N, C-alpha and C. Protein backbone atom coordinates (compact mmCIF):
# COMPACT_ATOMS: atom_id res chain seq x y z
N MET A 1 110.93 -60.28 194.33
CA MET A 1 110.47 -59.01 194.81
C MET A 1 111.06 -58.77 196.19
N MET A 2 111.55 -57.53 196.38
CA MET A 2 112.14 -57.16 197.66
C MET A 2 111.31 -56.03 198.26
N THR A 3 111.18 -56.03 199.58
CA THR A 3 110.44 -55.00 200.28
C THR A 3 111.28 -54.48 201.44
N PHE A 4 111.38 -53.20 201.49
CA PHE A 4 112.07 -52.57 202.62
C PHE A 4 111.02 -51.84 203.45
N ARG A 5 111.11 -52.06 204.71
CA ARG A 5 110.19 -51.35 205.60
C ARG A 5 111.02 -50.70 206.70
N ILE A 6 110.80 -49.40 206.86
CA ILE A 6 111.52 -48.66 207.89
C ILE A 6 110.51 -48.29 208.96
N ASP A 7 110.79 -48.73 210.17
CA ASP A 7 109.89 -48.40 211.28
C ASP A 7 110.34 -47.05 211.85
N ASP A 8 109.55 -46.04 211.58
CA ASP A 8 109.92 -44.69 212.03
C ASP A 8 109.10 -44.24 213.23
N SER A 9 108.42 -45.12 213.89
CA SER A 9 107.60 -44.73 215.05
C SER A 9 108.47 -44.17 216.18
N ASN A 10 109.61 -44.80 216.43
CA ASN A 10 110.51 -44.26 217.47
C ASN A 10 111.04 -42.89 217.08
N PHE A 11 111.39 -42.75 215.80
CA PHE A 11 111.88 -41.46 215.30
C PHE A 11 110.81 -40.38 215.48
N ARG A 12 109.58 -40.71 215.12
CA ARG A 12 108.49 -39.74 215.25
C ARG A 12 108.25 -39.36 216.72
N GLN A 13 108.32 -40.35 217.60
CA GLN A 13 108.15 -40.06 219.02
C GLN A 13 109.27 -39.15 219.53
N GLU A 14 110.50 -39.43 219.10
CA GLU A 14 111.63 -38.60 219.52
C GLU A 14 111.50 -37.17 218.99
N MET A 15 111.08 -37.04 217.74
CA MET A 15 110.92 -35.71 217.16
C MET A 15 109.80 -34.93 217.87
N ASP A 16 108.71 -35.60 218.20
CA ASP A 16 107.62 -34.95 218.90
C ASP A 16 108.07 -34.50 220.30
N ARG A 17 108.82 -35.36 220.99
CA ARG A 17 109.34 -35.01 222.31
C ARG A 17 110.31 -33.83 222.21
N PHE A 18 111.17 -33.85 221.19
CA PHE A 18 112.12 -32.74 220.99
C PHE A 18 111.39 -31.43 220.70
N ARG A 19 110.33 -31.49 219.88
CA ARG A 19 109.56 -30.29 219.57
C ARG A 19 108.93 -29.71 220.83
N ARG A 20 108.31 -30.60 221.66
CA ARG A 20 107.69 -30.11 222.89
C ARG A 20 108.74 -29.54 223.85
N LYS A 21 109.85 -30.23 223.98
CA LYS A 21 110.92 -29.77 224.87
C LYS A 21 111.50 -28.46 224.36
N SER A 22 111.76 -28.37 223.08
CA SER A 22 112.36 -27.18 222.51
C SER A 22 111.41 -25.99 222.56
N GLU A 23 110.12 -26.24 222.33
CA GLU A 23 109.17 -25.13 222.36
C GLU A 23 109.13 -24.50 223.75
N SER A 24 109.11 -25.34 224.78
CA SER A 24 109.12 -24.78 226.14
C SER A 24 110.45 -24.09 226.41
N GLY A 25 111.54 -24.64 225.88
CA GLY A 25 112.85 -23.99 226.03
C GLY A 25 112.90 -22.66 225.29
N PHE A 26 112.31 -22.62 224.10
CA PHE A 26 112.25 -21.37 223.32
C PHE A 26 111.45 -20.31 224.08
N LYS A 27 110.27 -20.72 224.58
CA LYS A 27 109.43 -19.77 225.31
C LYS A 27 110.15 -19.27 226.56
N ASP A 28 110.82 -20.17 227.24
CA ASP A 28 111.56 -19.78 228.44
C ASP A 28 112.68 -18.81 228.09
N ALA A 29 113.40 -19.07 227.00
CA ALA A 29 114.49 -18.19 226.56
C ALA A 29 113.94 -16.81 226.18
N ILE A 30 112.82 -16.77 225.49
CA ILE A 30 112.22 -15.50 225.08
C ILE A 30 111.78 -14.71 226.31
N LEU A 31 111.14 -15.37 227.25
CA LEU A 31 110.68 -14.68 228.46
C LEU A 31 111.86 -14.14 229.26
N LYS A 32 112.87 -14.97 229.47
CA LYS A 32 114.03 -14.53 230.26
C LYS A 32 114.78 -13.39 229.58
N ALA A 33 114.96 -13.47 228.27
CA ALA A 33 115.66 -12.41 227.54
C ALA A 33 114.84 -11.11 227.56
N THR A 34 113.53 -11.22 227.45
CA THR A 34 112.68 -10.03 227.49
C THR A 34 112.72 -9.38 228.87
N LEU A 35 112.66 -10.19 229.91
CA LEU A 35 112.75 -9.65 231.28
C LEU A 35 114.12 -9.01 231.52
N GLU A 36 115.17 -9.61 230.99
CA GLU A 36 116.52 -9.03 231.13
C GLU A 36 116.61 -7.70 230.39
N LEU A 37 115.99 -7.61 229.22
CA LEU A 37 116.01 -6.36 228.46
C LEU A 37 115.31 -5.24 229.25
N VAL A 38 114.16 -5.55 229.83
CA VAL A 38 113.44 -4.55 230.63
C VAL A 38 114.26 -4.14 231.84
N ARG A 39 114.81 -5.11 232.55
CA ARG A 39 115.58 -4.82 233.75
C ARG A 39 116.79 -3.96 233.43
N PHE A 40 117.53 -4.31 232.39
CA PHE A 40 118.74 -3.58 232.03
C PHE A 40 118.42 -2.17 231.52
N ALA A 41 117.35 -2.03 230.75
CA ALA A 41 116.96 -0.70 230.24
C ALA A 41 116.59 0.22 231.40
N LYS A 42 115.81 -0.30 232.36
CA LYS A 42 115.44 0.52 233.51
C LYS A 42 116.67 0.89 234.34
N LEU A 43 117.59 -0.03 234.47
CA LEU A 43 118.83 0.23 235.21
C LEU A 43 119.64 1.33 234.53
N LYS A 44 119.75 1.29 233.20
CA LYS A 44 120.49 2.31 232.46
C LYS A 44 119.85 3.69 232.65
N VAL A 45 118.53 3.78 232.57
CA VAL A 45 117.85 5.06 232.75
C VAL A 45 118.10 5.59 234.15
N ARG A 46 118.00 4.72 235.14
CA ARG A 46 118.26 5.15 236.52
C ARG A 46 119.68 5.65 236.69
N ASP A 47 120.64 4.97 236.05
CA ASP A 47 122.04 5.41 236.13
C ASP A 47 122.22 6.79 235.51
N TYR A 48 121.57 7.01 234.35
CA TYR A 48 121.70 8.30 233.68
C TYR A 48 121.05 9.43 234.47
N THR A 49 119.94 9.15 235.14
CA THR A 49 119.18 10.22 235.79
C THR A 49 119.46 10.33 237.29
N ARG A 50 120.37 9.54 237.80
CA ARG A 50 120.62 9.52 239.24
C ARG A 50 120.98 10.90 239.79
N ASN A 51 121.87 11.64 239.14
CA ASN A 51 122.32 12.93 239.63
C ASN A 51 121.68 14.11 238.90
N SER A 52 120.55 13.90 238.28
CA SER A 52 119.91 14.98 237.53
C SER A 52 118.76 15.58 238.34
N LYS A 53 118.07 16.52 237.73
CA LYS A 53 116.95 17.20 238.39
C LYS A 53 115.64 16.43 238.26
N VAL A 54 115.69 15.20 237.75
CA VAL A 54 114.48 14.41 237.52
C VAL A 54 113.81 14.11 238.86
N LYS A 55 112.53 14.42 238.95
CA LYS A 55 111.81 14.20 240.19
C LYS A 55 110.88 12.98 240.12
N SER A 56 110.59 12.51 238.93
CA SER A 56 109.71 11.35 238.81
C SER A 56 110.44 10.25 238.04
N SER A 57 109.84 9.10 238.04
CA SER A 57 110.40 7.96 237.31
C SER A 57 109.51 7.63 236.13
N PHE A 58 109.03 8.66 235.44
CA PHE A 58 108.07 8.46 234.35
C PHE A 58 108.66 7.58 233.25
N LEU A 59 109.87 7.85 232.83
CA LEU A 59 110.49 7.07 231.77
C LEU A 59 110.70 5.62 232.21
N VAL A 60 111.21 5.44 233.41
CA VAL A 60 111.44 4.08 233.94
C VAL A 60 110.12 3.32 234.04
N ASN A 61 109.09 3.98 234.54
CA ASN A 61 107.80 3.30 234.72
C ASN A 61 107.09 3.01 233.40
N ASN A 62 107.50 3.65 232.32
CA ASN A 62 106.88 3.41 231.02
C ASN A 62 107.67 2.45 230.14
N ILE A 63 108.67 1.80 230.68
CA ILE A 63 109.36 0.72 229.97
C ILE A 63 108.69 -0.58 230.41
N ARG A 64 108.07 -1.26 229.47
CA ARG A 64 107.35 -2.48 229.83
C ARG A 64 107.45 -3.53 228.75
N LYS A 65 107.11 -4.75 229.12
CA LYS A 65 107.22 -5.88 228.20
C LYS A 65 105.83 -6.34 227.76
N VAL A 66 105.80 -6.93 226.57
CA VAL A 66 104.58 -7.53 226.04
C VAL A 66 104.99 -8.88 225.45
N ILE A 67 104.40 -9.95 225.98
CA ILE A 67 104.66 -11.31 225.47
C ILE A 67 103.43 -11.72 224.67
N THR A 68 103.63 -12.03 223.38
CA THR A 68 102.52 -12.39 222.50
C THR A 68 102.85 -13.68 221.75
N ASN A 69 101.97 -14.05 220.85
CA ASN A 69 102.14 -15.21 219.98
C ASN A 69 102.35 -16.48 220.81
N ASN A 70 101.52 -16.63 221.84
CA ASN A 70 101.57 -17.81 222.70
C ASN A 70 102.94 -17.99 223.35
N GLY A 71 103.57 -16.88 223.71
CA GLY A 71 104.86 -16.93 224.39
C GLY A 71 106.06 -16.99 223.47
N LEU A 72 105.86 -16.92 222.16
CA LEU A 72 106.97 -17.02 221.22
C LEU A 72 107.47 -15.66 220.73
N THR A 73 106.86 -14.57 221.20
CA THR A 73 107.30 -13.22 220.82
C THR A 73 107.38 -12.36 222.07
N GLY A 74 108.52 -11.73 222.26
CA GLY A 74 108.70 -10.81 223.37
C GLY A 74 109.00 -9.42 222.83
N GLU A 75 108.33 -8.42 223.36
CA GLU A 75 108.49 -7.05 222.88
C GLU A 75 108.66 -6.14 224.08
N VAL A 76 109.59 -5.20 223.98
CA VAL A 76 109.79 -4.21 225.03
C VAL A 76 109.46 -2.85 224.46
N ILE A 77 108.62 -2.10 225.20
CA ILE A 77 108.12 -0.82 224.74
C ILE A 77 108.48 0.25 225.76
N SER A 78 108.97 1.37 225.26
CA SER A 78 109.16 2.55 226.09
C SER A 78 108.12 3.56 225.63
N ALA A 79 107.08 3.73 226.43
CA ALA A 79 105.92 4.50 226.00
C ALA A 79 106.00 5.99 226.32
N ALA A 80 107.04 6.43 226.99
CA ALA A 80 107.17 7.86 227.27
C ALA A 80 107.37 8.61 225.95
N GLY A 81 106.74 9.76 225.83
CA GLY A 81 106.79 10.52 224.58
C GLY A 81 108.20 10.98 224.22
N TYR A 82 109.08 11.10 225.18
CA TYR A 82 110.43 11.59 224.92
C TYR A 82 111.47 10.47 224.91
N SER A 83 111.05 9.23 224.84
CA SER A 83 111.97 8.09 224.86
C SER A 83 113.00 8.17 223.73
N GLN A 84 112.54 8.46 222.54
CA GLN A 84 113.46 8.51 221.40
C GLN A 84 114.47 9.64 221.56
N ALA A 85 114.02 10.80 222.04
CA ALA A 85 114.94 11.92 222.26
C ALA A 85 115.97 11.58 223.33
N PHE A 86 115.56 10.85 224.35
CA PHE A 86 116.47 10.43 225.41
C PHE A 86 117.48 9.42 224.88
N GLU A 87 117.00 8.47 224.08
CA GLU A 87 117.85 7.42 223.53
C GLU A 87 118.83 7.95 222.49
N GLU A 88 118.36 8.79 221.57
CA GLU A 88 119.16 9.22 220.44
C GLU A 88 119.69 10.64 220.55
N GLY A 89 119.23 11.42 221.54
CA GLY A 89 119.61 12.82 221.65
C GLY A 89 118.80 13.66 220.67
N THR A 90 119.03 14.98 220.71
CA THR A 90 118.33 15.87 219.79
C THR A 90 119.33 16.80 219.12
N ARG A 91 118.98 17.25 217.94
CA ARG A 91 119.81 18.21 217.21
C ARG A 91 119.51 19.61 217.72
N PRO A 92 120.40 20.57 217.46
CA PRO A 92 120.09 21.96 217.84
C PRO A 92 118.80 22.41 217.15
N HIS A 93 117.96 23.14 217.90
CA HIS A 93 116.68 23.57 217.36
C HIS A 93 116.19 24.82 218.09
N PRO A 94 115.38 25.64 217.42
CA PRO A 94 114.83 26.83 218.09
C PRO A 94 113.62 26.46 218.95
N ILE A 95 113.48 27.16 220.07
CA ILE A 95 112.30 27.02 220.93
C ILE A 95 111.57 28.35 220.89
N THR A 96 110.32 28.35 220.47
CA THR A 96 109.52 29.56 220.33
C THR A 96 108.35 29.49 221.32
N ILE A 97 108.00 30.63 221.90
CA ILE A 97 106.89 30.65 222.85
C ILE A 97 105.57 30.40 222.13
N LYS A 98 104.57 29.92 222.90
CA LYS A 98 103.25 29.69 222.33
C LYS A 98 102.17 30.49 223.05
N ASN A 99 102.06 30.32 224.35
CA ASN A 99 100.96 30.96 225.08
C ASN A 99 101.44 31.97 226.12
N LYS A 100 102.68 32.39 226.06
CA LYS A 100 103.21 33.33 227.04
C LYS A 100 103.84 34.52 226.32
N ARG A 101 104.27 35.50 227.11
CA ARG A 101 104.92 36.66 226.51
C ARG A 101 106.41 36.41 226.25
N VAL A 102 107.06 35.75 227.20
CA VAL A 102 108.49 35.45 227.06
C VAL A 102 108.77 34.08 227.67
N LEU A 103 109.89 33.49 227.26
CA LEU A 103 110.37 32.27 227.89
C LEU A 103 111.07 32.65 229.17
N ALA A 104 110.72 32.00 230.27
CA ALA A 104 111.32 32.33 231.56
C ALA A 104 111.34 31.10 232.45
N GLY A 105 112.19 31.14 233.46
CA GLY A 105 112.28 30.06 234.42
C GLY A 105 113.12 30.51 235.60
N PRO A 106 113.32 29.66 236.59
CA PRO A 106 114.15 30.05 237.73
C PRO A 106 115.59 30.27 237.30
N TYR A 107 116.21 31.29 237.85
CA TYR A 107 117.59 31.61 237.48
C TYR A 107 118.54 30.48 237.87
N ARG A 108 118.25 29.87 239.00
CA ARG A 108 119.09 28.79 239.53
C ARG A 108 119.21 27.62 238.54
N GLY A 109 118.17 27.29 237.80
CA GLY A 109 118.20 26.13 236.91
C GLY A 109 118.35 26.48 235.45
N ARG A 110 118.88 27.66 235.16
CA ARG A 110 118.97 28.10 233.77
C ARG A 110 120.01 27.27 233.01
N PRO A 111 119.81 27.10 231.73
CA PRO A 111 120.81 26.40 230.91
C PRO A 111 122.09 27.23 230.79
N ALA A 112 123.21 26.56 230.82
CA ALA A 112 124.49 27.26 230.71
C ALA A 112 124.63 27.89 229.33
N GLY A 113 125.13 29.13 229.28
CA GLY A 113 125.38 29.80 228.03
C GLY A 113 124.22 30.62 227.49
N TRP A 114 123.05 30.58 228.12
CA TRP A 114 121.92 31.35 227.64
C TRP A 114 121.99 32.76 228.24
N VAL A 115 121.74 33.75 227.44
CA VAL A 115 121.82 35.14 227.87
C VAL A 115 120.59 35.47 228.72
N VAL A 116 120.84 36.09 229.90
CA VAL A 116 119.77 36.45 230.83
C VAL A 116 119.88 37.93 231.14
N SER A 117 118.75 38.65 231.15
CA SER A 117 118.78 40.08 231.45
C SER A 117 119.09 40.30 232.93
N GLU A 118 119.73 41.43 233.23
CA GLU A 118 120.10 41.76 234.61
C GLU A 118 118.88 41.98 235.49
N LYS A 119 117.83 42.58 234.93
CA LYS A 119 116.62 42.86 235.71
C LYS A 119 115.98 41.56 236.20
N SER A 120 115.84 40.60 235.30
CA SER A 120 115.22 39.33 235.70
C SER A 120 116.15 38.55 236.63
N LYS A 121 117.45 38.68 236.44
CA LYS A 121 118.43 38.00 237.30
C LYS A 121 118.29 38.50 238.73
N SER A 122 118.08 39.79 238.92
CA SER A 122 117.94 40.36 240.26
C SER A 122 116.67 39.87 240.95
N MET A 123 115.66 39.46 240.18
CA MET A 123 114.41 38.96 240.76
C MET A 123 114.44 37.45 240.95
N GLY A 124 115.54 36.81 240.57
CA GLY A 124 115.64 35.36 240.73
C GLY A 124 115.11 34.56 239.56
N TYR A 125 114.81 35.24 238.48
CA TYR A 125 114.30 34.57 237.29
C TYR A 125 115.27 34.74 236.13
N ALA A 126 115.12 33.90 235.16
CA ALA A 126 115.88 34.02 233.93
C ALA A 126 114.88 34.17 232.80
N THR A 127 114.86 35.30 232.15
CA THR A 127 113.99 35.49 230.98
C THR A 127 114.86 35.44 229.74
N TYR A 128 114.35 34.80 228.73
CA TYR A 128 115.16 34.54 227.54
C TYR A 128 114.64 35.22 226.29
N GLY A 129 113.43 35.72 226.27
CA GLY A 129 112.86 36.34 225.09
C GLY A 129 111.79 35.48 224.46
N LYS A 130 111.46 35.78 223.20
CA LYS A 130 110.39 35.06 222.52
C LYS A 130 110.89 33.79 221.83
N GLN A 131 112.18 33.72 221.58
CA GLN A 131 112.74 32.52 220.95
C GLN A 131 114.17 32.34 221.41
N VAL A 132 114.55 31.08 221.64
CA VAL A 132 115.94 30.76 221.98
C VAL A 132 116.38 29.61 221.08
N ASN A 133 117.66 29.51 220.88
CA ASN A 133 118.21 28.40 220.11
C ASN A 133 118.75 27.35 221.08
N HIS A 134 118.03 26.25 221.16
CA HIS A 134 118.43 25.16 222.04
C HIS A 134 119.64 24.46 221.42
N PRO A 135 120.67 24.18 222.20
CA PRO A 135 121.88 23.55 221.63
C PRO A 135 121.73 22.07 221.32
N GLY A 136 120.61 21.47 221.68
CA GLY A 136 120.42 20.04 221.47
C GLY A 136 120.81 19.29 222.73
N THR A 137 120.54 18.00 222.75
CA THR A 137 120.90 17.18 223.89
C THR A 137 121.73 16.00 223.43
N LYS A 138 122.59 15.52 224.30
CA LYS A 138 123.38 14.36 223.94
C LYS A 138 122.57 13.08 224.16
N PRO A 139 122.87 12.03 223.44
CA PRO A 139 122.10 10.80 223.59
C PRO A 139 122.47 10.05 224.87
N TYR A 140 121.48 9.41 225.45
CA TYR A 140 121.66 8.53 226.59
C TYR A 140 121.03 7.19 226.22
N PRO A 141 121.73 6.37 225.44
CA PRO A 141 121.13 5.12 224.98
C PRO A 141 120.84 4.17 226.14
N PHE A 142 119.62 3.68 226.19
CA PHE A 142 119.24 2.72 227.22
C PHE A 142 118.63 1.46 226.62
N LEU A 143 117.89 1.57 225.52
CA LEU A 143 117.29 0.38 224.92
C LEU A 143 118.29 -0.41 224.08
N TYR A 144 119.12 0.26 223.32
CA TYR A 144 120.06 -0.46 222.46
C TYR A 144 121.06 -1.29 223.28
N PRO A 145 121.71 -0.73 224.31
CA PRO A 145 122.61 -1.57 225.10
C PRO A 145 121.87 -2.71 225.80
N ALA A 146 120.64 -2.44 226.23
CA ALA A 146 119.85 -3.50 226.86
C ALA A 146 119.52 -4.59 225.86
N TRP A 147 119.21 -4.18 224.63
CA TRP A 147 118.90 -5.16 223.57
C TRP A 147 120.12 -6.03 223.27
N LYS A 148 121.30 -5.41 223.19
CA LYS A 148 122.52 -6.18 222.92
C LYS A 148 122.77 -7.20 224.02
N SER A 149 122.57 -6.79 225.27
CA SER A 149 122.76 -7.70 226.40
C SER A 149 121.75 -8.84 226.35
N ALA A 150 120.49 -8.52 226.06
CA ALA A 150 119.45 -9.53 226.00
C ALA A 150 119.67 -10.49 224.84
N CYS A 151 120.22 -10.01 223.73
CA CYS A 151 120.52 -10.90 222.60
C CYS A 151 121.55 -11.95 222.98
N GLY A 152 122.57 -11.53 223.72
CA GLY A 152 123.58 -12.48 224.18
C GLY A 152 122.98 -13.53 225.10
N LEU A 153 122.13 -13.10 226.03
CA LEU A 153 121.46 -14.05 226.93
C LEU A 153 120.54 -14.97 226.15
N PHE A 154 119.80 -14.41 225.19
CA PHE A 154 118.87 -15.22 224.39
C PHE A 154 119.62 -16.29 223.60
N GLU A 155 120.74 -15.91 223.01
CA GLU A 155 121.53 -16.88 222.25
C GLU A 155 122.03 -18.01 223.16
N LYS A 156 122.49 -17.66 224.33
CA LYS A 156 122.97 -18.66 225.28
C LYS A 156 121.84 -19.61 225.70
N LEU A 157 120.67 -19.06 226.00
CA LEU A 157 119.54 -19.88 226.41
C LEU A 157 119.03 -20.76 225.26
N MET A 158 119.09 -20.24 224.03
CA MET A 158 118.67 -21.07 222.89
C MET A 158 119.61 -22.24 222.68
N ARG A 159 120.90 -22.01 222.85
CA ARG A 159 121.86 -23.12 222.73
C ARG A 159 121.58 -24.19 223.77
N GLU A 160 121.26 -23.75 225.00
CA GLU A 160 120.94 -24.71 226.06
C GLU A 160 119.65 -25.46 225.75
N ALA A 161 118.66 -24.78 225.16
CA ALA A 161 117.38 -25.42 224.84
C ALA A 161 117.54 -26.47 223.74
N LEU A 162 118.50 -26.28 222.86
CA LEU A 162 118.69 -27.22 221.74
C LEU A 162 119.57 -28.40 222.10
N LYS A 163 120.14 -28.41 223.27
CA LYS A 163 120.99 -29.56 223.69
C LYS A 163 120.15 -30.75 224.03
């Protein structure tokens, strides 16, 4: 009769140490990549809005991170209601009045190409009527480029954690 005995206690200790080391490395990689995604997204929005008429930082201030699942899940949320329109742009669409008689605004900030009456122009206003056809807006992607950048950083950090 032959008996083989394999002592796997060292192997088990090494695997347990690797799991603990890797888990902390994974959590660290997730946190760093999530923070990079938030930082880069806010930077992109600031770059896009630097020379615009934007007076507040509502979109920037509503980009935030959520770390869940005991540090193993990182999520970035842009909670501003117009985030998707800013990221993806909008198609041409009609704008119709709701609670006013006509659409109007300051003449100085009027959209290019919109027809304005001479009477309202002389008063410093631009009146457009009851409905106008908005030409749409071009996209200003901020989350997707930030996500791509964070994925590269995450991959690099995961490789380092597995060494």
